[in-house]
């Protein structure tokens, strides 16, 4: 697992999150693939802070964003 650009605190928060939450799943995927938060935030058209919130399960993305998450995770 590459931690490029991810703090250990964030990684721990993602690991502690609900593994069924779409944002947490996306966070794990991005860490594993070394995808920077800024890059994925741009793809979703949201702020980095929103991505951090999703990654830790603190907020749930809208339906259209969840569909994009599922598409990314299945590719």
N, C-alpha and C. Protein backbone atom coordinates (compact mmCIF):
# COMPACT_ATOMS: atom_id res chain seq x y z
N UNK A 1 0.85 -1.18 0.00
CA UNK A 1 0.00 0.00 0.00
C UNK A 1 0.89 1.24 0.00
N UNK A 2 0.71 2.09 -0.98
CA UNK A 2 1.47 3.33 -1.08
C UNK A 2 0.76 4.43 -0.30
N UNK A 3 1.50 5.15 0.52
CA UNK A 3 0.91 6.22 1.31
C UNK A 3 1.22 7.58 0.71
N UNK A 4 1.63 7.62 -0.54
CA UNK A 4 2.02 8.86 -1.19
C UNK A 4 0.99 9.96 -0.97
N UNK A 5 1.37 10.96 -0.19
CA UNK A 5 0.50 12.10 0.03
C UNK A 5 -0.56 11.91 1.10
N UNK A 6 -0.62 10.76 1.73
CA UNK A 6 -1.62 10.48 2.76
C UNK A 6 -0.95 10.42 4.12
N UNK A 7 -1.51 11.14 5.08
CA UNK A 7 -0.97 11.09 6.44
C UNK A 7 -1.37 9.78 7.10
N UNK A 8 -0.57 9.35 8.05
CA UNK A 8 -0.91 8.12 8.77
C UNK A 8 -2.22 8.29 9.53
N UNK A 9 -2.49 9.49 9.99
CA UNK A 9 -3.74 9.76 10.70
C UNK A 9 -4.96 9.52 9.78
N UNK A 10 -4.85 10.01 8.54
CA UNK A 10 -5.94 9.81 7.59
C UNK A 10 -6.08 8.33 7.24
N UNK A 11 -4.97 7.67 7.02
CA UNK A 11 -5.00 6.24 6.69
C UNK A 11 -5.66 5.46 7.82
N UNK A 12 -5.31 5.78 9.05
CA UNK A 12 -5.93 5.10 10.19
C UNK A 12 -7.43 5.37 10.25
N UNK A 13 -7.83 6.61 9.97
CA UNK A 13 -9.26 6.97 9.99
C UNK A 13 -10.02 6.21 8.91
N UNK A 14 -9.41 6.06 7.74
CA UNK A 14 -10.04 5.31 6.65
C UNK A 14 -10.17 3.84 7.03
N UNK A 15 -9.12 3.28 7.61
CA UNK A 15 -9.16 1.88 8.03
C UNK A 15 -10.23 1.65 9.09
N UNK A 16 -10.46 2.64 9.95
CA UNK A 16 -11.44 2.51 11.02
C UNK A 16 -12.88 2.74 10.54
N UNK A 17 -13.02 3.27 9.33
CA UNK A 17 -14.34 3.56 8.79
C UNK A 17 -15.11 2.31 8.40
N UNK A 18 -16.40 2.50 8.18
CA UNK A 18 -17.29 1.41 7.77
C UNK A 18 -16.86 0.92 6.38
N UNK A 19 -16.44 -0.33 6.26
CA UNK A 19 -15.96 -0.84 4.97
C UNK A 19 -17.02 -0.91 3.88
N UNK A 20 -18.29 -0.72 4.23
CA UNK A 20 -19.37 -0.73 3.23
C UNK A 20 -19.70 0.67 2.74
N UNK A 21 -19.19 1.69 3.42
CA UNK A 21 -19.44 3.09 3.04
C UNK A 21 -18.71 3.37 1.72
N UNK A 22 -19.40 3.93 0.73
CA UNK A 22 -18.76 4.16 -0.57
C UNK A 22 -17.53 5.07 -0.50
N UNK A 23 -17.58 6.07 0.35
CA UNK A 23 -16.44 6.98 0.48
C UNK A 23 -15.23 6.31 1.10
N UNK A 24 -15.47 5.48 2.09
CA UNK A 24 -14.39 4.73 2.74
C UNK A 24 -13.77 3.77 1.73
N UNK A 25 -14.60 3.10 0.98
CA UNK A 25 -14.10 2.18 -0.05
C UNK A 25 -13.25 2.94 -1.08
N UNK A 26 -13.72 4.13 -1.47
CA UNK A 26 -12.97 4.94 -2.42
C UNK A 26 -11.64 5.37 -1.80
N UNK A 27 -11.65 5.75 -0.54
CA UNK A 27 -10.43 6.14 0.14
C UNK A 27 -9.40 5.03 0.13
N UNK A 28 -9.83 3.83 0.44
CA UNK A 28 -8.92 2.67 0.43
C UNK A 28 -8.37 2.44 -0.97
N UNK A 29 -9.22 2.58 -1.97
CA UNK A 29 -8.81 2.40 -3.36
C UNK A 29 -7.74 3.44 -3.74
N UNK A 30 -7.99 4.68 -3.39
CA UNK A 30 -7.06 5.75 -3.74
C UNK A 30 -5.71 5.57 -3.07
N UNK A 31 -5.71 5.14 -1.82
CA UNK A 31 -4.45 4.88 -1.12
C UNK A 31 -3.71 3.73 -1.81
N UNK A 32 -4.42 2.65 -2.08
CA UNK A 32 -3.80 1.47 -2.70
C UNK A 32 -3.21 1.80 -4.08
N UNK A 33 -3.89 2.68 -4.82
CA UNK A 33 -3.45 3.02 -6.17
C UNK A 33 -2.54 4.24 -6.21
N UNK A 34 -2.34 4.89 -5.05
CA UNK A 34 -1.49 6.08 -4.99
C UNK A 34 -2.10 7.28 -5.70
N UNK A 35 -3.42 7.38 -5.69
CA UNK A 35 -4.12 8.48 -6.35
C UNK A 35 -4.20 9.65 -5.37
N UNK A 36 -3.64 10.81 -5.72
CA UNK A 36 -3.68 11.96 -4.82
C UNK A 36 -5.10 12.46 -4.59
N UNK A 37 -5.35 12.96 -3.39
CA UNK A 37 -6.67 13.48 -3.04
C UNK A 37 -7.07 14.60 -3.99
N UNK A 38 -6.13 15.48 -4.32
CA UNK A 38 -6.45 16.60 -5.21
C UNK A 38 -6.93 16.11 -6.58
N UNK A 39 -6.33 15.04 -7.07
CA UNK A 39 -6.71 14.49 -8.38
C UNK A 39 -8.12 13.90 -8.35
N UNK A 40 -8.43 13.13 -7.32
CA UNK A 40 -9.75 12.51 -7.25
C UNK A 40 -10.82 13.55 -6.95
N UNK A 41 -10.47 14.56 -6.16
CA UNK A 41 -11.43 15.64 -5.86
C UNK A 41 -11.80 16.38 -7.14
N UNK A 42 -10.81 16.62 -7.98
CA UNK A 42 -11.05 17.30 -9.25
C UNK A 42 -11.97 16.46 -10.14
N UNK A 43 -11.74 15.15 -10.15
CA UNK A 43 -12.56 14.25 -10.97
C UNK A 43 -14.03 14.30 -10.52
N UNK A 44 -14.25 14.45 -9.22
CA UNK A 44 -15.61 14.48 -8.68
C UNK A 44 -16.19 15.89 -8.63
N UNK A 45 -15.36 16.89 -8.87
CA UNK A 45 -15.84 18.27 -8.84
C UNK A 45 -16.16 18.76 -7.44
N UNK A 46 -15.39 18.26 -6.47
CA UNK A 46 -15.59 18.65 -5.07
C UNK A 46 -14.25 19.09 -4.48
N UNK A 47 -14.29 19.62 -3.27
CA UNK A 47 -13.07 20.06 -2.60
C UNK A 47 -12.31 18.88 -1.99
N UNK A 48 -11.05 19.11 -1.69
CA UNK A 48 -10.28 18.07 -1.01
C UNK A 48 -10.90 17.76 0.35
N UNK A 49 -11.40 18.79 1.03
CA UNK A 49 -12.01 18.58 2.34
C UNK A 49 -13.23 17.65 2.23
N UNK A 50 -14.00 17.81 1.17
CA UNK A 50 -15.14 16.91 0.95
C UNK A 50 -14.65 15.48 0.77
N UNK A 51 -13.58 15.31 0.02
CA UNK A 51 -13.03 13.96 -0.19
C UNK A 51 -12.59 13.36 1.14
N UNK A 52 -11.91 14.15 1.98
CA UNK A 52 -11.48 13.65 3.28
C UNK A 52 -12.70 13.22 4.11
N UNK A 53 -13.77 13.99 4.03
CA UNK A 53 -14.99 13.67 4.77
C UNK A 53 -15.58 12.35 4.27
N UNK A 54 -15.63 12.19 2.95
CA UNK A 54 -16.13 10.93 2.39
C UNK A 54 -15.24 9.77 2.78
N UNK A 55 -13.92 9.97 2.64
CA UNK A 55 -12.95 8.90 2.92
C UNK A 55 -13.08 8.35 4.33
N UNK A 56 -13.42 9.21 5.28
CA UNK A 56 -13.51 8.77 6.67
C UNK A 56 -14.92 8.36 7.06
N UNK A 57 -15.86 8.45 6.13
CA UNK A 57 -17.23 8.07 6.40
C UNK A 57 -18.02 9.14 7.13
N UNK A 58 -17.47 10.35 7.20
CA UNK A 58 -18.14 11.45 7.89
C UNK A 58 -19.28 12.07 7.12
N UNK A 59 -19.35 11.78 5.85
CA UNK A 59 -20.42 12.30 5.01
C UNK A 59 -20.67 11.32 3.88
N UNK A 60 -21.87 11.36 3.36
CA UNK A 60 -22.23 10.43 2.28
C UNK A 60 -22.39 11.19 0.98
N UNK A 61 -21.71 10.75 -0.06
CA UNK A 61 -21.84 11.40 -1.37
C UNK A 61 -23.27 11.29 -1.91
N UNK A 62 -23.62 12.22 -2.80
CA UNK A 62 -24.92 12.15 -3.49
C UNK A 62 -24.93 10.93 -4.40
N UNK A 63 -26.13 10.57 -4.83
CA UNK A 63 -26.33 9.37 -5.64
C UNK A 63 -25.46 9.38 -6.90
N UNK A 64 -25.38 10.52 -7.60
CA UNK A 64 -24.59 10.57 -8.83
C UNK A 64 -23.10 10.35 -8.54
N UNK A 65 -22.65 10.82 -7.39
CA UNK A 65 -21.25 10.63 -7.01
C UNK A 65 -21.00 9.18 -6.60
N UNK A 66 -21.97 8.56 -5.94
CA UNK A 66 -21.83 7.15 -5.57
C UNK A 66 -21.74 6.29 -6.82
N UNK A 67 -22.50 6.64 -7.84
CA UNK A 67 -22.44 5.89 -9.11
C UNK A 67 -21.05 6.01 -9.72
N UNK A 68 -20.44 7.19 -9.65
CA UNK A 68 -19.08 7.37 -10.17
C UNK A 68 -18.08 6.59 -9.32
N UNK A 69 -18.27 6.58 -8.01
CA UNK A 69 -17.40 5.79 -7.13
C UNK A 69 -17.47 4.32 -7.53
N UNK A 70 -18.67 3.79 -7.71
CA UNK A 70 -18.82 2.38 -8.08
C UNK A 70 -18.13 2.08 -9.42
N UNK A 71 -18.24 3.02 -10.34
CA UNK A 71 -17.59 2.85 -11.65
C UNK A 71 -16.07 2.80 -11.50
N UNK A 72 -15.53 3.68 -10.67
CA UNK A 72 -14.09 3.71 -10.45
C UNK A 72 -13.63 2.43 -9.76
N UNK A 73 -14.37 1.98 -8.76
CA UNK A 73 -13.98 0.80 -8.01
C UNK A 73 -14.07 -0.48 -8.85
N UNK A 74 -14.94 -0.48 -9.84
CA UNK A 74 -15.10 -1.70 -10.66
C UNK A 74 -14.13 -1.75 -11.84
N UNK A 75 -13.41 -0.66 -12.07
CA UNK A 75 -12.47 -0.68 -13.22
C UNK A 75 -11.10 -1.14 -12.84
